[in-house]
Amino acid sequence: MSESISDFNILRDWQPGDTREVPEAVLQKARLEDRYDSYSQTYRLDSRLWKIQGQTSRSTGETVFTLVCVEECRFTR
């Protein structure tokens, strides 16, 4: 199964403080697509800025990250 950022475009009104889980592959793809700001350590997904809050390793060996919404993006690309 290929995972992409578009797989997570859920019609939801994300608000600051909301959390979501995403696989490590999605965050790696976001970095490659220049959707990661290393200065603020935020990812730009679904027109919101997200920070890593924690991570979990599953029995399958997959790493899943918990992201917390910190604010709405002021720009889009």
C-alpha atoms as a PDB file:
ATOM      1  CA  MET A   1       0.000   0.000   0.000  1.00  0.00           C
ATOM      2  CA  SER A   2       1.481   3.334  -0.968  1.00  0.00           C
ATOM      3  CA  GLU A   3       0.882   6.147   1.446  1.00  0.00           C
ATOM      4  CA  SER A   4       0.708   9.767   0.460  1.00  0.00           C
ATOM      5  CA  ILE A   5      -0.214  12.977   2.121  1.00  0.00           C
ATOM      6  CA  SER A   6      -3.403  13.075   0.023  1.00  0.00           C
ATOM      7  CA  ASP A   7      -4.481   9.833   1.738  1.00  0.00           C
ATOM      8  CA  PHE A   8      -4.914  11.912   4.877  1.00  0.00           C
ATOM      9  CA  ASN A   9      -6.904  14.788   3.389  1.00  0.00           C
ATOM     10  CA  ILE A  10      -9.935  14.186   5.557  1.00  0.00           C
ATOM     11  CA  LEU A  11     -12.703  16.745   5.386  1.00  0.00           C
ATOM     12  CA  ARG A  12     -12.363  17.952   8.925  1.00  0.00           C
ATOM     13  CA  ASP A  13     -12.101  21.328  10.523  1.00  0.00           C
ATOM     14  CA  TRP A  14      -8.846  20.820  12.432  1.00  0.00           C
ATOM     15  CA  GLN A  15      -8.400  23.193  15.355  1.00  0.00           C
ATOM     16  CA  PRO A  16      -5.299  23.989  17.420  1.00  0.00           C
ATOM     17  CA  GLY A  17      -4.934  21.281  20.051  1.00  0.00           C
ATOM     18  CA  ASP A  18      -6.434  18.508  17.880  1.00  0.00           C
ATOM     19  CA  THR A  19      -4.277  15.399  17.486  1.00  0.00           C
ATOM     20  CA  ARG A  20      -3.893  12.768  14.790  1.00  0.00           C
ATOM     21  CA  GLU A  21      -1.673   9.779  14.104  1.00  0.00           C
ATOM     22  CA  VAL A  22       0.332   9.481  10.886  1.00  0.00           C
ATOM     23  CA  PRO A  23       2.794   6.835   9.713  1.00  0.00           C
ATOM     24  CA  GLU A  24       6.470   7.736   9.483  1.00  0.00           C
ATOM     25  CA  ALA A  25       6.338   7.380   5.678  1.00  0.00           C
ATOM     26  CA  VAL A  26       3.884  10.296   5.451  1.00  0.00           C
ATOM     27  CA  LEU A  27       6.223  12.580   7.401  1.00  0.00           C
ATOM     28  CA  GLN A  28       9.186  11.511   5.270  1.00  0.00           C
ATOM     29  CA  LYS A  29       7.207  12.357   2.140  1.00  0.00           C
ATOM     30  CA  ALA A  30       6.231  15.736   3.622  1.00  0.00           C
ATOM     31  CA  ARG A  31       9.911  16.525   4.165  1.00  0.00           C
ATOM     32  CA  LEU A  32      10.702  15.647   0.547  1.00  0.00           C
ATOM     33  CA  GLU A  33       7.843  17.875  -0.634  1.00  0.00           C
ATOM     34  CA  ASP A  34       9.209  20.801   1.417  1.00  0.00           C
ATOM     35  CA  ARG A  35       6.290  20.699   3.848  1.00  0.00           C
ATOM     36  CA  TYR A  36       8.549  20.636   6.914  1.00  0.00           C
ATOM     37  CA  ASP A  37       9.993  23.733   8.569  1.00  0.00           C
ATOM     38  CA  SER A  38      13.100  22.732  10.503  1.00  0.00           C
ATOM     39  CA  TYR A  39      13.232  26.072  12.335  1.00  0.00           C
ATOM     40  CA  SER A  40       9.756  25.783  13.872  1.00  0.00           C
ATOM     41  CA  GLN A  41       9.749  21.957  13.610  1.00  0.00           C
ATOM     42  CA  THR A  42       6.289  21.965  12.048  1.00  0.00           C
ATOM     43  CA  TYR A  43       4.721  20.021   9.196  1.00  0.00           C
ATOM     44  CA  ARG A  44       2.228  21.641   6.816  1.00  0.00           C
ATOM     45  CA  LEU A  45      -0.659  19.185   6.273  1.00  0.00           C
ATOM     46  CA  ASP A  46      -4.301  19.892   5.444  1.00  0.00           C
ATOM     47  CA  SER A  47      -3.759  23.683   5.568  1.00  0.00           C
ATOM     48  CA  ARG A  48      -2.634  23.448   9.184  1.00  0.00           C
ATOM     49  CA  LEU A  49       0.694  23.393  10.987  1.00  0.00           C
ATOM     50  CA  TRP A  50       1.443  20.281  13.043  1.00  0.00           C
ATOM     51  CA  LYS A  51       4.138  19.401  15.586  1.00  0.00           C
ATOM     52  CA  ILE A  52       5.216  15.944  16.674  1.00  0.00           C
ATOM     53  CA  GLN A  53       3.842  15.218  20.130  1.00  0.00           C
ATOM     54  CA  GLY A  54       4.959  11.599  20.433  1.00  0.00           C
ATOM     55  CA  GLN A  55       5.643   8.363  18.630  1.00  0.00           C
ATOM     56  CA  THR A  56       4.635   4.743  18.950  1.00  0.00           C
ATOM     57  CA  SER A  57       6.241   1.627  17.513  1.00  0.00           C
ATOM     58  CA  ARG A  58       3.738  -1.008  16.443  1.00  0.00           C
ATOM     59  CA  SER A  59       4.335  -4.760  16.586  1.00  0.00           C
ATOM     60  CA  THR A  60       4.693  -4.701  12.783  1.00  0.00           C
ATOM     61  CA  GLY A  61       7.772  -2.504  13.142  1.00  0.00           C
ATOM     62  CA  GLU A  62       5.935   0.543  11.795  1.00  0.00           C
ATOM     63  CA  THR A  63       6.463   3.834  13.604  1.00  0.00           C
ATOM     64  CA  VAL A  64       3.411   6.056  13.988  1.00  0.00           C
ATOM     65  CA  PHE A  65       3.712   9.671  15.078  1.00  0.00           C
ATOM     66  CA  THR A  66       1.126  11.625  17.043  1.00  0.00           C
ATOM     67  CA  LEU A  67       0.861  15.163  15.724  1.00  0.00           C
ATOM     68  CA  VAL A  68      -0.811  18.099  17.418  1.00  0.00           C
ATOM     69  CA  CYS A  69      -2.318  20.950  15.411  1.00  0.00           C
ATOM     70  CA  VAL A  70      -0.663  24.202  16.392  1.00  0.00           C
ATOM     71  CA  GLU A  71      -2.253  26.694  13.984  1.00  0.00           C
ATOM     72  CA  GLU A  72      -3.744  27.328  10.576  1.00  0.00           C
ATOM     73  CA  CYS A  73      -1.241  27.912   7.775  1.00  0.00           C
ATOM     74  CA  ARG A  74      -0.859  31.523   6.769  1.00  0.00           C
ATOM     75  CA  PHE A  75       0.250  30.509   3.307  1.00  0.00           C
ATOM     76  CA  THR A  76      -0.247  27.628   0.914  1.00  0.00           C
ATOM     77  CA  ARG A  77       2.054  26.181  -1.657  1.00  0.00           C
END
